[in-house]
């Protein structure tokens, strides 16, 4: 079993912040990396993946693959003529277990793609010992107090697991204050 080698917590006041976190994650990721997203419905898993897909410059609209289960987004050619990795976006919510995850044959594309698995905790860890785990939490009905400015703020915890992530600075994901 792999150990957590780094961890960072962030606040995501809005959808743009979740997309920005996805964009920031793209700067750390390379082909072969696995990202496991966990969080309640509406926590921002797909929104974060949209920012990641935009930053990776992949083809197609990033939408929840709930009923398709897995969708591959091939890379687009950049202005300098190069391409990055493809994005494989998986929704494990409807999967009944490891057998159904194995049937997706993610191992065959794992080395050439960045693979994002929503609802993957407890399943996707078997794909590789090296991964980023992103837990997204949103306020629940009784937790939202409109009189407080933090009402509605989502929280993200990013954990780097395995030797691939040793020495990677996750604090690069923390937004820097803008000069006033």
Protein backbone atom coordinates (compact mmCIF):
# COMPACT_ATOMS: atom_id res chain seq x y z
CA UNK A 1 0.00 0.00 0.00
CA UNK A 2 1.31 3.42 -0.95
CA UNK A 3 1.67 6.30 1.43
CA UNK A 4 0.58 9.90 1.16
CA UNK A 5 3.73 11.90 0.33
CA UNK A 6 2.13 15.37 0.20
CA UNK A 7 -1.20 17.02 0.93
CA UNK A 8 -2.73 20.46 0.51
CA UNK A 9 -6.17 21.88 1.38
CA UNK A 10 -7.85 24.61 -0.66
CA UNK A 11 -11.04 26.64 -0.63
CA UNK A 12 -13.07 26.87 -3.82
CA UNK A 13 -15.55 29.76 -3.52
CA UNK A 14 -17.08 29.16 -6.96
CA UNK A 15 -17.14 27.03 -10.09
CA UNK A 16 -14.37 29.13 -11.64
CA UNK A 17 -12.13 28.21 -8.70
CA UNK A 18 -12.80 24.48 -9.24
CA UNK A 19 -11.93 24.89 -12.93
CA UNK A 20 -8.80 26.84 -11.96
CA UNK A 21 -7.75 24.00 -9.65
CA UNK A 22 -8.15 21.60 -12.60
CA UNK A 23 -5.98 23.92 -14.69
CA UNK A 24 -3.36 24.10 -11.95
CA UNK A 25 -3.37 20.30 -11.64
CA UNK A 26 -2.55 20.05 -15.35
CA UNK A 27 0.81 21.67 -14.62
CA UNK A 28 1.69 18.74 -12.36
CA UNK A 29 0.29 15.91 -14.47
CA UNK A 30 1.82 13.89 -17.27
CA UNK A 31 0.82 10.87 -19.32
CA UNK A 32 0.35 7.88 -17.05
CA UNK A 33 -1.02 9.84 -14.09
CA UNK A 34 -4.21 8.87 -12.30
CA UNK A 35 -6.48 11.34 -10.49
CA UNK A 36 -9.23 9.99 -8.24
CA UNK A 37 -12.02 12.47 -7.51
CA UNK A 38 -14.30 11.96 -4.53
CA UNK A 39 -17.20 14.10 -3.32
CA UNK A 40 -20.96 14.34 -3.05
CA UNK A 41 -23.19 15.13 -5.99
CA UNK A 42 -22.61 18.76 -6.92
CA UNK A 43 -19.24 18.98 -5.16
CA UNK A 44 -17.43 20.00 -8.36
CA UNK A 45 -15.81 16.82 -9.71
CA UNK A 46 -16.85 17.37 -13.32
CA UNK A 47 -16.26 21.12 -13.06
CA UNK A 48 -12.68 20.48 -11.91
CA UNK A 49 -12.24 18.03 -14.79
CA UNK A 50 -13.45 20.70 -17.24
CA UNK A 51 -10.62 22.98 -16.11
CA UNK A 52 -8.16 20.12 -16.41
CA UNK A 53 -9.35 19.26 -19.92
CA UNK A 54 -9.14 22.88 -21.05
CA UNK A 55 -5.59 23.21 -19.70
CA UNK A 56 -4.53 19.89 -21.27
CA UNK A 57 -5.98 21.15 -24.58
CA UNK A 58 -8.09 18.09 -25.33
CA UNK A 59 -10.91 17.65 -27.83
CA UNK A 60 -14.57 17.50 -26.92
CA UNK A 61 -16.84 18.89 -24.27
CA UNK A 62 -16.02 17.67 -20.78
CA UNK A 63 -19.33 16.50 -19.33
CA UNK A 64 -20.18 13.99 -16.65
CA UNK A 65 -19.75 10.52 -18.16
CA UNK A 66 -22.34 9.07 -15.75
CA UNK A 67 -24.31 7.12 -18.35
CA UNK A 68 -21.40 6.50 -20.73
CA UNK A 69 -19.08 5.51 -17.82
CA UNK A 70 -15.85 6.40 -19.67
CA UNK A 71 -15.01 8.96 -22.30
CA UNK A 72 -11.65 9.60 -23.99
CA UNK A 73 -10.71 13.12 -25.05
CA UNK A 74 -7.80 13.06 -27.53
CA UNK A 75 -5.25 15.88 -27.40
CA UNK A 76 -5.40 18.79 -29.81
CA UNK A 77 -2.29 20.07 -31.54
CA UNK A 78 -0.81 23.13 -29.86
CA UNK A 79 0.46 26.18 -31.73
CA UNK A 80 4.02 24.86 -31.43
CA UNK A 81 2.96 21.62 -33.17
CA UNK A 82 3.17 19.40 -30.08
CA UNK A 83 0.40 17.56 -28.29
CA UNK A 84 -0.04 16.58 -24.69
CA UNK A 85 -1.63 13.47 -23.26
CA UNK A 86 -5.22 12.43 -23.89
CA UNK A 87 -7.71 12.70 -21.04
CA UNK A 88 -9.68 9.62 -20.05
CA UNK A 89 -12.65 10.67 -17.92
CA UNK A 90 -14.39 7.89 -15.99
CA UNK A 91 -17.45 7.95 -13.75
CA UNK A 92 -17.33 4.93 -11.45
CA UNK A 93 -20.61 5.78 -9.70
CA UNK A 94 -22.61 3.08 -11.48
CA UNK A 95 -19.87 0.45 -11.44
CA UNK A 96 -20.67 -2.57 -9.31
CA UNK A 97 -17.10 -3.41 -8.36
CA UNK A 98 -13.57 -4.18 -9.49
CA UNK A 99 -14.72 -6.55 -12.25
CA UNK A 100 -16.66 -3.77 -13.98
CA UNK A 101 -13.72 -1.36 -13.60
CA UNK A 102 -11.40 -3.99 -15.10
CA UNK A 103 -13.84 -4.45 -18.00
CA UNK A 104 -13.20 -0.80 -18.98
CA UNK A 105 -9.62 -1.84 -19.78
CA UNK A 106 -8.18 1.40 -18.42
CA UNK A 107 -4.79 -0.30 -18.06
CA UNK A 108 -4.38 -0.18 -21.85
CA UNK A 109 -4.59 3.63 -22.01
CA UNK A 110 -3.20 4.50 -18.59
CA UNK A 111 0.39 5.00 -19.77
CA UNK A 112 -0.51 7.41 -22.60
CA UNK A 113 -3.26 9.40 -20.89
CA UNK A 114 -4.14 11.37 -17.83
CA UNK A 115 -6.95 9.32 -16.29
CA UNK A 116 -9.54 10.95 -14.05
CA UNK A 117 -11.93 8.69 -12.16
CA UNK A 118 -14.91 10.31 -10.48
CA UNK A 119 -16.36 8.29 -7.59
CA UNK A 120 -13.21 6.16 -7.79
CA UNK A 121 -12.33 5.75 -4.11
CA UNK A 122 -12.24 2.10 -3.17
CA UNK A 123 -11.91 0.98 -6.82
CA UNK A 124 -9.40 2.94 -8.87
CA UNK A 125 -6.51 2.61 -6.39
CA UNK A 126 -5.90 -0.84 -7.89
CA UNK A 127 -4.86 0.75 -11.20
CA UNK A 128 -1.56 2.12 -9.87
CA UNK A 129 0.19 2.87 -6.60
CA UNK A 130 0.91 6.44 -7.79
CA UNK A 131 -2.05 8.80 -7.88
CA UNK A 132 -3.54 12.09 -6.85
CA UNK A 133 -6.62 11.84 -4.68
CA UNK A 134 -8.85 14.91 -4.67
CA UNK A 135 -11.64 15.06 -2.10
CA UNK A 136 -14.21 17.78 -2.75
CA UNK A 137 -16.67 18.82 -0.08
CA UNK A 138 -19.57 21.16 -0.48
CA UNK A 139 -21.66 22.70 2.26
CA UNK A 140 -24.87 20.84 3.03
CA UNK A 141 -28.25 22.45 3.65
CA UNK A 142 -27.86 22.90 7.40
CA UNK A 143 -24.24 24.00 7.04
CA UNK A 144 -24.92 27.01 4.80
CA UNK A 145 -25.35 30.28 6.66
CA UNK A 146 -26.03 33.15 4.22
CA UNK A 147 -24.95 35.71 6.83
CA UNK A 148 -21.37 34.46 6.59
CA UNK A 149 -19.20 35.25 3.57
CA UNK A 150 -17.86 31.69 3.38
CA UNK A 151 -21.36 30.28 2.77
CA UNK A 152 -21.29 27.98 -0.20
CA UNK A 153 -17.52 27.59 -0.26
CA UNK A 154 -16.35 24.17 -1.34
CA UNK A 155 -13.21 22.66 0.05
CA UNK A 156 -10.70 20.50 -1.77
CA UNK A 157 -8.04 18.28 -0.26
CA UNK A 158 -5.40 17.06 -2.71
CA UNK A 159 -3.28 14.11 -1.62
CA UNK A 160 -0.29 12.81 -3.56
CA UNK A 161 0.17 9.08 -3.10
CA UNK A 162 3.14 6.98 -4.15
CA UNK A 163 6.76 7.44 -5.18
CA UNK A 164 5.92 9.30 -8.42
CA UNK A 165 4.79 12.26 -6.30
CA UNK A 166 7.71 12.39 -3.87
CA UNK A 167 9.17 15.89 -4.04
CA UNK A 168 6.28 17.38 -6.06
CA UNK A 169 5.27 20.73 -4.57
CA UNK A 170 1.49 20.69 -4.14
CA UNK A 171 1.56 24.23 -2.76
CA UNK A 172 1.76 25.31 -6.42
CA UNK A 173 -1.97 24.55 -6.47
CA UNK A 174 -2.73 27.22 -3.86
CA UNK A 175 -3.91 30.42 -5.59
CA UNK A 176 -1.62 33.38 -5.05
CA UNK A 177 -3.21 36.63 -3.85
CA UNK A 178 -3.64 39.12 -6.64
CA UNK A 179 -1.79 42.41 -6.20
CA UNK A 180 -4.15 45.24 -5.30
